[in-house]
Amino acid sequence: MTQAAGREARLGGHILADALVAQGVTHAFCVPGESYLDLLDGLYAQRNRIELVTCRFEAGAVHMAEAYGKLTGKPGVALVTRGPGACHAAIGVHVAFQDSTPLVLIIGQIPFEETDRESFQEVDYRKMFAPLAKWVTQIDDAARIPELMAHAFDVATSGRPGPVVVAISEEMQKHMATVPDLAPAEVLPPHPAPDAVSRMMGMLAKAERPLVVLGGGAGWSKQGRADIKEFLVANDLPVAVSFRRMGLFDGTHPNYVGDLGVGADAALVKSAREADLFIAIGTRIGETVSQGYTLFDMAGAKPIIHVYPDQAEIGRVYRPALGITADLNAFAAAAKASAPVAKPAWSGWRAQLRAAREAQAKPQAYEGPLNLAVALQELEKVLPPDTIFTTDAGNFATWPQRFMHVSEGQDFLGPTNGAMGYSVPAAIGAKIVFPERTVVSFVGDGGFLMTGQEIATAFHHKVNPIVLVFNNGMYGTIRMHQEKHYPARVSATALTNPDFAKFIESFGGHGEIVEATDQLVPAFRRAMASGKPAVIEVRTNPEQVTNRSTIAQLREQAAKA
């Protein structure tokens, strides 16, 4: 056992709580369990330093922690119990992995002396989380808690950020040890190679139709986003963002040309194919950005400049003409300091792409009393400039994605792995971290009933997000695909829903129902004025299954095919 001069022996559970304090943790999101009672007791002793948020479902707790990681750039921390608790938490770990969000999940574990007996709720977490996390470990020796927890936080934030899973055996938390706490190590971020930016600028100067795609989430600082914007605007470059990364660039700016992800505008996809230089900054150029790996030739026929903090991701699918391994904020500062291209040849190209973006954002005529595109754009006008948006997965999400503009100072959080049930807990987590900011959750009726019970956590911790539930009585995305491939053969996609406004009112919150275009903004204003957690149920036309097609149109297209 390691001895630390001048420090008294502590219980393992208390050492672990102290280790979280030493790593700068301010919030932890949990569903309690008997497998980590000693850690909970340690957190009681640290209650003035760490706010322990009691959640109602493990997936909700991890989504809250993941939202914390996205917003702060520091690892979100979630605590769950063994077996079922860990299994419920797995979806949030997968979100953090595919979204490259720093996160530390701590799982109470069986007593290590019972290992491999299929003890009550026993799971081998190294095997279970191996494909979902950057690193998985188990602490069976209390004396190693500071070492392993410090390394967990280092791994979660290094290179490509991501989740780390730490199992803590039950009896280890009761053992005494005399060990020092370990503070975070000061590690300078990787900077671009000395000639990286000049080589990039040389390639850019020869281009006629460049396209920049910004990605990444937690890796960007406020200063980094400002620096990269200054560089991109100085060079008059057309800027798209990757899937659910609308908060990275001002959507109202003339250089913004749209999002290159699921549901991307066909005109933007066409332009991406026509570009003669593709500059990917912070995105892995994954399946959604590459439109199902169809945009580029894997051998590098179209020149790609790929900037990413983890060299293992550069060239993983597409061979770049230039790969730059660097911290995104360090790269942004270096790029900003470079002299812009004189009289760029692509200003007309940029204007063309911007015009296409503005054209697709113009609301079209939709049948029925609710034109959701118009309603959302009217809502956009009354939102505070520092609003945080969270979104779930589903066809409903393409409406704000297409018709709204996330402006400077606002944040947009969404799961790039398409996880339903993300938005409500993420909104609650965001509101707990930034109680002074307005938080708006976009969620479908299917996703809301997966984790909507977490609204109880908002009441318990006295925060008031505003949730917009888009209700069309179906799993809309699956119904869309169903109608494309098996038209008129509706199977398993219809839903029966409660009155969502009454649901929130049963907690003592504020409920509204919106069925017409001019009702959304007044309903939102009343929700804001209430000061309570609020749900606005937006009853949408089920026939209008996407913002571009009705069910009848999909059936007609399928018949022709």
Protein backbone atom coordinates (compact mmCIF):
# COMPACT_ATOMS: atom_id res chain seq x y z
CA MET A 1 0.00 0.00 0.00
CA THR A 2 1.33 3.41 -1.01
CA GLN A 3 1.90 5.76 1.91
CA ALA A 4 1.47 9.52 1.70
CA ALA A 5 3.15 11.62 4.31
CA GLY A 6 0.81 13.74 6.36
CA ARG A 7 -2.42 12.13 5.06
CA GLU A 8 -4.75 9.97 7.07
CA ALA A 9 -6.10 6.68 5.83
CA ARG A 10 -9.43 6.96 3.98
CA LEU A 11 -12.13 4.61 2.80
CA GLY A 12 -11.88 3.73 -0.88
CA GLY A 13 -15.26 5.33 -1.57
CA HIS A 14 -14.05 8.58 -0.03
CA ILE A 15 -10.75 8.44 -1.92
CA LEU A 16 -12.76 8.11 -5.13
CA ALA A 17 -14.98 11.10 -4.29
CA ASP A 18 -11.86 13.11 -3.44
CA ALA A 19 -10.29 12.01 -6.74
CA LEU A 20 -13.24 13.50 -8.61
CA VAL A 21 -12.76 16.78 -6.77
CA ALA A 22 -9.05 16.68 -7.61
CA GLN A 23 -9.91 16.31 -11.31
CA GLY A 24 -12.10 19.42 -11.20
CA VAL A 25 -15.48 17.70 -11.34
CA THR A 26 -18.35 20.04 -10.42
CA HIS A 27 -21.35 17.89 -11.37
CA ALA A 28 -22.07 14.17 -11.35
CA PHE A 29 -25.24 12.58 -12.72
CA CYS A 30 -26.44 9.37 -11.14
CA VAL A 31 -29.01 6.72 -10.46
CA PRO A 32 -27.98 5.40 -7.03
CA GLY A 33 -27.27 1.74 -6.32
CA GLU A 34 -26.14 -0.40 -3.41
CA SER A 35 -22.98 -1.28 -5.33
CA TYR A 36 -21.47 2.15 -4.70
CA LEU A 37 -22.88 3.26 -1.36
CA ASP A 38 -19.42 4.16 -0.07
CA LEU A 39 -18.79 6.43 -3.05
CA LEU A 40 -22.15 8.09 -2.43
CA ASP A 41 -21.10 8.65 1.18
CA GLY A 42 -17.84 10.17 -0.03
CA LEU A 43 -19.81 12.49 -2.30
CA TYR A 44 -21.93 13.50 0.69
CA ALA A 45 -18.72 14.70 2.31
CA GLN A 46 -17.96 16.65 -0.91
CA ARG A 47 -21.50 17.98 -1.39
CA ASN A 48 -20.32 21.60 -1.31
CA ARG A 49 -17.93 20.93 -4.20
CA ILE A 50 -19.78 18.46 -6.41
CA GLU A 51 -23.46 18.77 -7.23
CA LEU A 52 -24.86 15.25 -7.35
CA VAL A 53 -27.81 15.13 -9.74
CA THR A 54 -30.29 12.35 -9.00
CA CYS A 55 -31.81 10.99 -12.22
CA ARG A 56 -34.62 8.53 -12.94
CA PHE A 57 -33.00 6.32 -15.59
CA GLU A 58 -29.36 5.46 -16.25
CA ALA A 59 -29.49 6.38 -19.94
CA GLY A 60 -30.85 9.78 -18.92
CA ALA A 61 -28.03 10.27 -16.42
CA VAL A 62 -25.37 9.52 -19.02
CA HIS A 63 -27.06 11.77 -21.62
CA MET A 64 -26.96 14.59 -19.06
CA ALA A 65 -23.28 13.95 -18.43
CA GLU A 66 -22.62 13.83 -22.17
CA ALA A 67 -24.33 17.19 -22.64
CA TYR A 68 -22.12 18.56 -19.85
CA GLY A 69 -19.06 17.30 -21.75
CA LYS A 70 -20.18 18.89 -25.01
CA LEU A 71 -20.85 22.26 -23.40
CA THR A 72 -17.79 22.53 -21.17
CA GLY A 73 -15.13 20.47 -22.95
CA LYS A 74 -14.50 18.72 -19.62
CA PRO A 75 -15.46 15.09 -18.99
CA GLY A 76 -19.03 14.64 -17.91
CA VAL A 77 -19.33 12.19 -15.02
CA ALA A 78 -22.10 9.62 -14.56
CA LEU A 79 -22.53 7.06 -11.78
CA VAL A 80 -24.61 3.91 -12.20
CA THR A 81 -24.97 0.56 -10.52
CA ARG A 82 -23.93 -2.83 -11.84
CA GLY A 83 -25.73 -5.14 -14.27
CA PRO A 84 -29.01 -3.57 -15.42
CA GLY A 85 -27.82 -0.09 -14.51
CA ALA A 86 -24.70 -0.45 -16.63
CA CYS A 87 -26.71 -1.91 -19.52
CA HIS A 88 -29.12 1.02 -19.44
CA ALA A 89 -26.14 3.40 -19.46
CA ALA A 90 -24.56 1.83 -22.54
CA ILE A 91 -26.53 3.93 -25.02
CA GLY A 92 -25.12 7.13 -23.51
CA VAL A 93 -21.60 5.72 -23.77
CA HIS A 94 -22.21 4.99 -27.46
CA VAL A 95 -23.40 8.58 -27.97
CA ALA A 96 -20.23 9.92 -26.34
CA PHE A 97 -18.07 7.58 -28.43
CA GLN A 98 -19.53 8.52 -31.82
CA ASP A 99 -19.84 12.20 -30.84
CA SER A 100 -16.24 12.31 -29.51
CA THR A 101 -17.39 13.69 -26.17
CA PRO A 102 -15.24 13.36 -23.03
CA LEU A 103 -17.09 11.32 -20.43
CA VAL A 104 -16.28 9.14 -17.42
CA LEU A 105 -18.81 6.50 -16.45
CA ILE A 106 -18.32 4.94 -13.02
CA ILE A 107 -20.06 1.61 -12.44
CA GLY A 108 -20.50 -0.07 -9.09
CA GLN A 109 -19.27 -3.67 -9.43
CA ILE A 110 -19.68 -6.95 -7.58
CA PRO A 111 -17.12 -7.86 -4.89
CA PHE A 112 -14.04 -8.91 -6.86
CA GLU A 113 -13.70 -12.12 -4.84
CA GLU A 114 -16.95 -13.31 -6.51
CA THR A 115 -15.69 -12.80 -10.07
CA ASP A 116 -16.60 -15.44 -12.68
CA ARG A 117 -19.30 -17.07 -10.54
CA GLU A 118 -22.13 -15.23 -12.34
CA SER A 119 -22.76 -13.43 -9.11
CA PHE A 120 -25.82 -11.21 -8.69
CA GLN A 121 -25.75 -8.66 -11.55
CA GLU A 122 -22.23 -9.67 -12.59
CA VAL A 123 -20.98 -8.35 -15.93
CA ASP A 124 -17.44 -8.21 -17.32
CA TYR A 125 -17.35 -4.53 -18.25
CA ARG A 126 -14.04 -4.77 -20.07
CA LYS A 127 -15.73 -7.07 -22.58
CA MET A 128 -19.08 -5.28 -22.59
CA PHE A 129 -17.76 -1.77 -23.23
CA ALA A 130 -14.66 -2.63 -25.28
CA PRO A 131 -16.16 -1.47 -28.61
CA LEU A 132 -17.99 1.50 -27.06
CA ALA A 133 -15.31 3.26 -25.00
CA LYS A 134 -11.77 4.55 -25.37
CA TRP A 135 -10.68 2.66 -22.27
CA VAL A 136 -12.32 0.35 -19.74
CA THR A 137 -10.80 -0.50 -16.38
CA GLN A 138 -11.74 -1.87 -12.98
CA ILE A 139 -10.39 -0.71 -9.64
CA ASP A 140 -9.93 -3.50 -7.11
CA ASP A 141 -7.21 -1.85 -5.00
CA ALA A 142 -8.14 1.33 -3.13
CA ALA A 143 -4.54 2.49 -3.19
CA ARG A 144 -4.69 2.78 -7.00
CA ILE A 145 -7.79 4.96 -7.14
CA PRO A 146 -5.99 8.31 -7.63
CA GLU A 147 -3.71 6.84 -10.32
CA LEU A 148 -6.44 5.15 -12.33
CA MET A 149 -8.96 7.97 -12.03
CA ALA A 150 -6.39 10.55 -13.14
CA HIS A 151 -5.57 8.38 -16.14
CA ALA A 152 -9.28 7.95 -16.92
CA PHE A 153 -9.70 11.71 -17.19
CA ASP A 154 -6.52 12.01 -19.26
CA VAL A 155 -7.73 9.40 -21.74
CA ALA A 156 -11.22 10.93 -21.98
CA THR A 157 -9.79 14.29 -23.08
CA SER A 158 -6.71 13.32 -25.10
CA GLY A 159 -6.55 13.06 -28.89
CA ARG A 160 -10.04 12.30 -30.10
CA PRO A 161 -12.09 12.82 -26.90
CA GLY A 162 -14.42 10.06 -25.81
CA PRO A 163 -15.87 7.96 -23.00
CA VAL A 164 -13.96 5.99 -20.37
CA VAL A 165 -15.65 3.35 -18.22
CA VAL A 166 -14.41 2.66 -14.68
CA ALA A 167 -15.86 -0.23 -12.68
CA ILE A 168 -15.34 -0.03 -8.92
CA SER A 169 -15.66 -3.26 -6.98
CA GLU A 170 -17.95 -3.12 -3.98
CA GLU A 171 -15.66 -4.19 -1.17
CA MET A 172 -12.73 -2.14 -2.51
CA GLN A 173 -14.70 0.98 -1.59
CA LYS A 174 -14.67 -0.15 2.06
CA HIS A 175 -10.90 -0.72 2.21
CA MET A 176 -8.65 1.84 3.86
CA ALA A 177 -5.67 3.35 2.07
CA THR A 178 -3.26 6.21 2.63
CA VAL A 179 -2.63 7.80 -0.76
CA PRO A 180 -2.30 11.32 -2.15
CA ASP A 181 -4.84 12.87 -4.47
CA LEU A 182 -3.58 13.52 -8.00
CA ALA A 183 -4.36 16.75 -9.81
CA PRO A 184 -4.68 16.90 -13.61
CA ALA A 185 -1.39 16.98 -15.45
CA GLU A 186 -0.64 20.13 -17.42
CA VAL A 187 -0.30 18.89 -21.00
CA LEU A 188 0.25 21.30 -23.85
CA PRO A 189 -1.97 20.58 -26.87
CA PRO A 190 -0.44 19.42 -30.16
CA HIS A 191 0.16 22.27 -32.59
CA PRO A 192 0.28 22.06 -36.39
CA ALA A 193 3.63 21.13 -37.91
CA PRO A 194 5.74 24.22 -38.79
CA ASP A 195 4.87 24.14 -42.49
CA ALA A 196 1.35 22.73 -42.20
CA VAL A 197 -0.60 25.97 -42.52
CA SER A 198 1.60 27.36 -45.31
CA ARG A 199 1.14 24.14 -47.30
CA MET A 200 -2.59 24.33 -46.75
CA MET A 201 -2.68 27.94 -47.93
CA GLY A 202 -0.65 27.00 -51.02
CA MET A 203 -3.22 24.35 -51.93
CA LEU A 204 -6.07 26.73 -51.20
CA ALA A 205 -4.61 29.43 -53.47
CA LYS A 206 -4.85 27.04 -56.43
CA ALA A 207 -8.47 26.08 -55.79
CA GLU A 208 -11.52 27.45 -57.60
CA ARG A 209 -14.31 25.60 -55.77
CA PRO A 210 -13.19 24.88 -52.19
CA LEU A 211 -15.60 23.70 -49.50
CA VAL A 212 -14.90 23.67 -45.76
CA VAL A 213 -16.73 21.36 -43.39
CA LEU A 214 -16.48 22.04 -39.65
CA GLY A 215 -17.03 19.21 -37.21
CA GLY A 216 -16.18 18.16 -33.70
CA GLY A 217 -17.98 19.17 -30.56
CA ALA A 218 -16.34 19.32 -27.16
CA GLY A 219 -12.91 19.91 -28.69
CA TRP A 220 -13.70 23.51 -29.62
CA SER A 221 -13.25 26.38 -27.18
CA LYS A 222 -15.05 29.70 -27.50
CA GLN A 223 -11.82 31.32 -28.62
CA GLY A 224 -11.13 28.50 -31.06
CA ARG A 225 -14.52 28.96 -32.72
CA ALA A 226 -13.90 32.69 -32.98
CA ASP A 227 -10.44 32.13 -34.49
CA ILE A 228 -11.58 29.62 -37.09
CA LYS A 229 -14.46 31.87 -38.08
CA GLU A 230 -12.07 34.79 -38.56
CA PHE A 231 -9.84 32.64 -40.80
CA LEU A 232 -12.74 31.31 -42.87
CA VAL A 233 -14.37 34.71 -43.35
CA ALA A 234 -11.06 36.41 -44.17
CA ASN A 235 -10.65 33.91 -47.01
CA ASP A 236 -14.34 34.16 -48.02
CA LEU A 237 -14.68 30.39 -47.84
CA PRO A 238 -18.01 28.55 -48.05
CA VAL A 239 -18.55 26.80 -44.72
CA ALA A 240 -20.75 23.80 -44.04
CA VAL A 241 -21.03 21.97 -40.74
CA SER A 242 -21.19 18.24 -40.16
CA PHE A 243 -24.22 16.37 -38.82
CA ARG A 244 -25.76 18.08 -35.77
CA ARG A 245 -22.91 20.56 -35.42
CA MET A 246 -24.93 23.70 -36.24
CA GLY A 247 -23.49 25.53 -33.25
CA LEU A 248 -19.97 25.65 -34.72
CA PHE A 249 -20.60 28.46 -37.21
CA ASP A 250 -23.08 31.32 -37.33
CA GLY A 251 -25.95 30.10 -39.48
CA THR A 252 -26.95 33.68 -40.34
CA HIS A 253 -23.54 34.53 -41.79
CA PRO A 254 -23.11 34.89 -45.61
CA ASN A 255 -20.36 32.24 -45.56
CA TYR A 256 -22.58 29.57 -44.01
CA VAL A 257 -23.87 27.17 -46.67
CA GLY A 258 -25.65 24.43 -44.68
CA ASP A 259 -25.15 21.18 -42.85
CA LEU A 260 -23.63 18.18 -44.61
CA GLY A 261 -25.26 15.30 -42.76
CA VAL A 262 -28.47 13.30 -42.67
CA GLY A 263 -31.16 15.13 -44.63
CA ALA A 264 -28.65 17.49 -46.24
CA ASP A 265 -29.93 19.71 -49.02
CA ALA A 266 -29.47 18.08 -52.41
CA ALA A 267 -27.90 21.27 -53.78
CA LEU A 268 -25.22 21.23 -51.08
CA VAL A 269 -24.46 17.56 -51.70
CA LYS A 270 -24.14 18.30 -55.43
CA SER A 271 -21.76 21.19 -54.69
CA ALA A 272 -19.68 18.96 -52.39
CA ARG A 273 -19.25 16.56 -55.31
CA GLU A 274 -18.21 19.44 -57.57
CA ALA A 275 -15.72 21.01 -55.12
CA ASP A 276 -12.09 20.86 -56.21
CA LEU A 277 -10.73 21.06 -52.63
CA PHE A 278 -12.40 19.68 -49.52
CA ILE A 279 -11.14 21.01 -46.19
CA ALA A 280 -12.39 18.94 -43.23
CA ILE A 281 -11.68 20.54 -39.86
CA GLY A 282 -12.63 18.56 -36.75
CA THR A 283 -14.80 16.00 -38.53
CA ARG A 284 -13.82 12.37 -39.06
CA ILE A 285 -15.46 12.52 -42.54
CA GLY A 286 -17.69 9.67 -41.42
CA GLU A 287 -20.73 8.06 -42.98
CA THR A 288 -23.09 11.03 -42.61
CA VAL A 289 -20.69 13.72 -43.87
CA SER A 290 -19.61 11.57 -46.81
CA GLN A 291 -23.25 10.74 -47.64
CA GLY A 292 -22.80 7.03 -47.12
CA TYR A 293 -19.17 7.07 -48.25
CA THR A 294 -20.18 8.21 -51.74
CA LEU A 295 -18.82 11.78 -51.93
CA PHE A 296 -15.17 10.97 -52.46
CA ASP A 297 -12.86 8.45 -54.02
CA MET A 298 -11.04 6.60 -51.23
CA ALA A 299 -7.74 6.78 -53.14
CA GLY A 300 -7.81 10.58 -53.00
CA ALA A 301 -8.88 11.66 -56.51
CA LYS A 302 -10.37 14.81 -54.96
CA PRO A 303 -7.78 16.61 -52.80
CA ILE A 304 -8.74 16.59 -49.13
CA ILE A 305 -7.11 18.55 -46.34
CA HIS A 306 -7.99 16.83 -43.09
CA VAL A 307 -7.38 18.54 -39.74
CA TYR A 308 -7.98 16.37 -36.69
CA PRO A 309 -6.48 15.99 -33.19
CA ASP A 310 -5.94 12.24 -33.53
CA GLN A 311 -3.63 11.01 -36.28
CA ALA A 312 -5.30 7.57 -36.26
CA GLU A 313 -8.45 9.13 -37.75
CA ILE A 314 -6.66 10.91 -40.61
CA GLY A 315 -6.74 8.68 -43.66
CA ARG A 316 -8.83 6.07 -41.88
CA VAL A 317 -11.24 5.97 -44.85
CA TYR A 318 -10.13 8.68 -47.29
CA ARG A 319 -6.49 9.32 -48.18
CA PRO A 320 -5.91 13.07 -47.72
CA ALA A 321 -3.68 15.20 -49.87
CA LEU A 322 -2.62 16.84 -46.60
CA GLY A 323 -3.27 15.60 -43.10
CA ILE A 324 -2.72 17.94 -40.16
CA THR A 325 -2.66 16.46 -36.67
CA ALA A 326 -3.40 19.27 -34.23
CA ASP A 327 -5.59 20.44 -31.41
CA LEU A 328 -8.48 22.20 -33.15
CA ASN A 329 -8.07 25.43 -31.20
CA ALA A 330 -4.31 25.51 -31.81
CA PHE A 331 -4.92 24.96 -35.51
CA ALA A 332 -7.53 27.73 -35.56
CA ALA A 333 -5.10 30.19 -33.98
CA ALA A 334 -2.38 29.28 -36.47
CA ALA A 335 -4.76 29.52 -39.43
CA LYS A 336 -6.04 32.91 -38.29
CA ALA A 337 -2.48 34.22 -38.17
CA SER A 338 -1.85 33.30 -41.82
CA ALA A 339 -2.20 35.85 -44.61
CA PRO A 340 -5.48 35.30 -46.49
CA VAL A 341 -5.52 34.36 -50.16
CA ALA A 342 -5.45 37.52 -52.25
CA LYS A 343 -8.44 37.92 -54.59
CA PRO A 344 -9.79 34.39 -54.13
CA ALA A 345 -11.23 32.80 -57.26
CA TRP A 346 -14.14 31.25 -55.39
CA SER A 347 -16.17 34.24 -54.17
CA GLY A 348 -18.82 33.61 -56.83
CA TRP A 349 -18.88 29.92 -55.87
CA ARG A 350 -19.36 30.84 -52.22
CA ALA A 351 -22.21 33.18 -53.12
CA GLN A 352 -23.81 30.43 -55.21
CA LEU A 353 -23.72 27.98 -52.29
CA ARG A 354 -25.09 30.58 -49.89
CA ALA A 355 -27.95 31.35 -52.26
CA ALA A 356 -28.80 27.64 -52.37
CA ARG A 357 -28.82 27.53 -48.57
CA GLU A 358 -31.15 30.54 -48.39
CA ALA A 359 -33.44 29.00 -51.00
CA GLN A 360 -33.88 25.74 -49.12
CA ALA A 361 -34.58 27.64 -45.87
CA LYS A 362 -37.56 29.45 -47.40
CA PRO A 363 -40.77 27.88 -46.09
CA GLN A 364 -42.95 26.23 -48.66
CA ALA A 365 -46.70 25.82 -48.51
CA TYR A 366 -47.80 22.90 -46.37
CA GLU A 367 -51.33 21.57 -46.01
CA GLY A 368 -53.17 22.09 -42.76
CA PRO A 369 -53.34 24.85 -40.14
CA LEU A 370 -49.73 24.38 -38.98
CA ASN A 371 -46.88 25.42 -41.24
CA LEU A 372 -44.06 24.20 -39.03
CA ALA A 373 -41.36 25.90 -41.11
CA VAL A 374 -42.95 29.34 -40.66
CA ALA A 375 -43.68 28.70 -36.98
CA LEU A 376 -40.09 27.73 -36.24
CA GLN A 377 -38.70 30.77 -38.04
CA GLU A 378 -41.03 33.01 -36.05
CA LEU A 379 -39.84 31.26 -32.88
CA GLU A 380 -36.23 31.85 -33.88
CA LYS A 381 -36.84 35.61 -33.78
CA VAL A 382 -37.82 35.63 -30.10
CA LEU A 383 -35.14 33.29 -28.73
CA PRO A 384 -32.35 34.73 -26.56
CA PRO A 385 -28.96 35.05 -28.28
CA ASP A 386 -27.38 32.51 -25.90
CA THR A 387 -30.03 29.78 -26.28
CA ILE A 388 -28.93 26.16 -25.99
CA PHE A 389 -30.78 23.77 -28.30
CA THR A 390 -30.89 20.03 -27.82
CA THR A 391 -32.36 17.64 -30.34
CA ASP A 392 -33.39 14.03 -30.47
CA ALA A 393 -33.19 11.67 -33.42
CA GLY A 394 -36.06 11.49 -35.90
CA ASN A 395 -37.56 13.09 -38.98
CA PHE A 396 -38.97 15.94 -36.87
CA ALA A 397 -35.37 17.09 -36.31
CA THR A 398 -34.93 17.94 -39.99
CA TRP A 399 -37.42 20.82 -39.61
CA PRO A 400 -35.32 22.99 -37.26
CA GLN A 401 -32.21 21.71 -39.04
CA ARG A 402 -33.47 23.00 -42.39
CA PHE A 403 -35.48 26.08 -41.47
CA MET A 404 -33.80 27.52 -38.37
CA HIS A 405 -30.44 29.26 -38.03
CA VAL A 406 -28.23 28.73 -34.99
CA SER A 407 -26.53 32.07 -34.52
CA GLU A 408 -23.37 33.27 -32.84
CA GLY A 409 -23.43 32.59 -29.10
CA GLN A 410 -25.94 29.76 -29.31
CA ASP A 411 -25.20 26.05 -28.84
CA PHE A 412 -26.73 23.03 -30.53
CA LEU A 413 -26.43 19.55 -29.02
CA GLY A 414 -27.54 16.39 -30.76
CA PRO A 415 -26.51 12.73 -30.95
CA THR A 416 -24.67 11.95 -34.17
CA ASN A 417 -25.27 8.23 -33.57
CA GLY A 418 -29.02 8.77 -33.97
CA ALA A 419 -29.96 7.89 -30.39
CA MET A 420 -33.60 8.48 -29.52
CA GLY A 421 -34.24 9.65 -25.98
CA TYR A 422 -31.27 12.04 -25.91
CA SER A 423 -32.85 15.47 -26.09
CA VAL A 424 -34.85 15.76 -22.86
CA PRO A 425 -32.11 14.61 -20.46
CA ALA A 426 -29.51 16.58 -22.43
CA ALA A 427 -31.63 19.69 -22.03
CA ILE A 428 -31.94 19.11 -18.30
CA GLY A 429 -28.19 18.56 -17.99
CA ALA A 430 -27.52 21.73 -19.99
CA LYS A 431 -29.89 23.74 -17.80
CA ILE A 432 -28.26 22.42 -14.62
CA VAL A 433 -24.83 23.47 -15.89
CA PHE A 434 -26.01 26.83 -17.28
CA PRO A 435 -29.16 27.75 -15.32
CA GLU A 436 -29.07 31.34 -16.58
CA ARG A 437 -29.42 30.31 -20.26
CA THR A 438 -32.61 29.39 -22.08
CA VAL A 439 -32.60 25.71 -23.04
CA VAL A 440 -34.95 24.42 -25.75
CA SER A 441 -35.39 20.71 -26.38
CA PHE A 442 -36.65 19.39 -29.73
CA VAL A 443 -38.01 15.84 -29.45
CA GLY A 444 -40.49 13.60 -31.23
CA ASP A 445 -43.36 11.81 -29.58
CA GLY A 446 -41.45 8.52 -29.81
CA GLY A 447 -38.28 9.86 -28.22
CA PHE A 448 -40.10 11.75 -25.48
CA LEU A 449 -41.67 8.60 -24.09
CA MET A 450 -38.25 6.95 -23.95
CA THR A 451 -36.71 9.38 -21.46
CA GLY A 452 -39.39 12.02 -20.88
CA GLN A 453 -39.69 10.86 -17.28
CA GLU A 454 -36.41 12.67 -16.66
CA ILE A 455 -38.50 15.83 -16.49
CA ALA A 456 -38.87 14.77 -12.84
CA THR A 457 -35.14 15.47 -12.50
CA ALA A 458 -35.73 19.03 -13.69
CA PHE A 459 -38.29 19.57 -10.94
CA HIS A 460 -36.08 17.89 -8.34
CA HIS A 461 -33.14 20.15 -9.17
CA LYS A 462 -35.26 23.24 -9.83
CA VAL A 463 -34.38 23.95 -13.46
CA ASN A 464 -36.80 24.82 -16.23
CA PRO A 465 -36.01 23.66 -19.77
CA ILE A 466 -38.68 24.11 -22.43
CA VAL A 467 -39.45 20.93 -24.37
CA LEU A 468 -41.11 21.01 -27.79
CA VAL A 469 -42.69 17.61 -28.48
CA PHE A 470 -43.46 17.12 -32.16
CA ASN A 471 -46.37 14.70 -32.15
CA ASN A 472 -47.38 12.91 -35.35
CA GLY A 473 -48.42 9.64 -33.72
CA MET A 474 -45.73 7.51 -35.30
CA TYR A 475 -42.09 6.56 -35.47
CA GLY A 476 -41.74 8.96 -38.39
CA THR A 477 -38.31 8.08 -39.72
CA ILE A 478 -39.06 4.36 -39.84
CA ARG A 479 -42.47 5.05 -41.39
CA MET A 480 -40.75 7.09 -44.10
CA HIS A 481 -38.41 4.21 -44.97
CA GLN A 482 -41.33 1.80 -44.74
CA GLU A 483 -43.32 3.78 -47.28
CA LYS A 484 -40.32 3.98 -49.61
CA HIS A 485 -39.69 0.23 -49.60
CA TYR A 486 -43.03 -1.31 -48.61
CA PRO A 487 -45.63 1.34 -49.49
CA ALA A 488 -48.98 1.20 -47.68
CA ARG A 489 -47.86 -1.81 -45.61
CA VAL A 490 -47.77 -0.05 -42.24
CA SER A 491 -46.21 -2.31 -39.61
CA ALA A 492 -45.12 -1.44 -36.04
CA THR A 493 -44.70 2.28 -36.65
CA ALA A 494 -48.01 3.69 -35.35
CA LEU A 495 -48.05 5.09 -31.80
CA THR A 496 -50.65 5.81 -29.12
CA ASN A 497 -49.71 8.88 -27.09
CA PRO A 498 -50.85 10.67 -23.93
CA ASP A 499 -51.78 14.32 -23.69
CA PHE A 500 -48.25 15.66 -23.33
CA ALA A 501 -49.40 18.99 -21.91
CA LYS A 502 -51.28 17.23 -19.13
CA PHE A 503 -48.22 15.04 -18.53
CA ILE A 504 -46.08 18.03 -17.55
CA GLU A 505 -48.97 19.60 -15.66
CA SER A 506 -49.17 16.49 -13.48
CA PHE A 507 -45.69 17.41 -12.18
CA GLY A 508 -46.73 21.01 -11.59
CA GLY A 509 -45.17 22.28 -14.80
CA HIS A 510 -46.45 24.36 -17.69
CA GLY A 511 -48.19 22.62 -20.60
CA GLU A 512 -49.28 23.96 -23.98
CA ILE A 513 -50.77 22.46 -27.16
CA VAL A 514 -50.00 24.01 -30.54
CA GLU A 515 -52.02 23.09 -33.64
CA ALA A 516 -51.67 26.20 -35.82
CA THR A 517 -48.80 28.33 -37.12
CA ASP A 518 -49.59 31.44 -35.11
CA GLN A 519 -49.87 29.55 -31.81
CA LEU A 520 -46.24 28.53 -31.30
CA VAL A 521 -44.65 31.87 -30.38
CA PRO A 522 -47.39 32.88 -27.89
CA ALA A 523 -47.22 29.41 -26.32
CA PHE A 524 -43.46 29.71 -26.02
CA ARG A 525 -43.70 33.15 -24.44
CA ARG A 526 -46.13 31.82 -21.85
CA ALA A 527 -43.82 28.87 -21.15
CA MET A 528 -40.91 31.26 -20.62
CA ALA A 529 -42.96 33.52 -18.37
CA SER A 530 -44.12 30.60 -16.22
CA GLY A 531 -40.60 29.98 -14.93
CA LYS A 532 -41.46 26.27 -14.75
CA PRO A 533 -40.32 23.22 -16.68
CA ALA A 534 -42.55 23.29 -19.75
CA VAL A 535 -43.76 21.02 -22.51
CA ILE A 536 -45.23 22.43 -25.72
CA GLU A 537 -46.92 19.67 -27.67
CA VAL A 538 -46.77 20.57 -31.37
CA ARG A 539 -49.36 18.48 -33.16
CA THR A 540 -48.07 18.00 -36.67
CA ASN A 541 -49.75 16.61 -39.77
CA PRO A 542 -48.94 12.86 -39.89
CA GLU A 543 -49.32 12.89 -43.67
CA GLN A 544 -46.37 15.33 -43.90
CA VAL A 545 -43.86 12.68 -42.87
CA THR A 546 -40.80 14.77 -43.91
CA ASN A 547 -40.32 18.43 -44.70
CA ARG A 548 -39.99 17.50 -48.37
CA SER A 549 -42.48 14.66 -48.86
CA THR A 550 -45.92 13.44 -47.85
CA ILE A 551 -46.82 9.79 -47.39
CA ALA A 552 -48.87 9.94 -50.59
CA GLN A 553 -45.87 11.28 -52.51
CA LEU A 554 -43.60 8.55 -51.12
CA ARG A 555 -46.10 5.91 -52.18
CA GLU A 556 -46.33 7.43 -55.64
CA GLN A 557 -42.54 7.45 -55.97
CA ALA A 558 -42.34 3.84 -54.80
CA ALA A 559 -44.96 2.80 -57.37
CA LYS A 560 -42.96 4.45 -60.16
CA ALA A 561 -39.78 2.78 -58.96
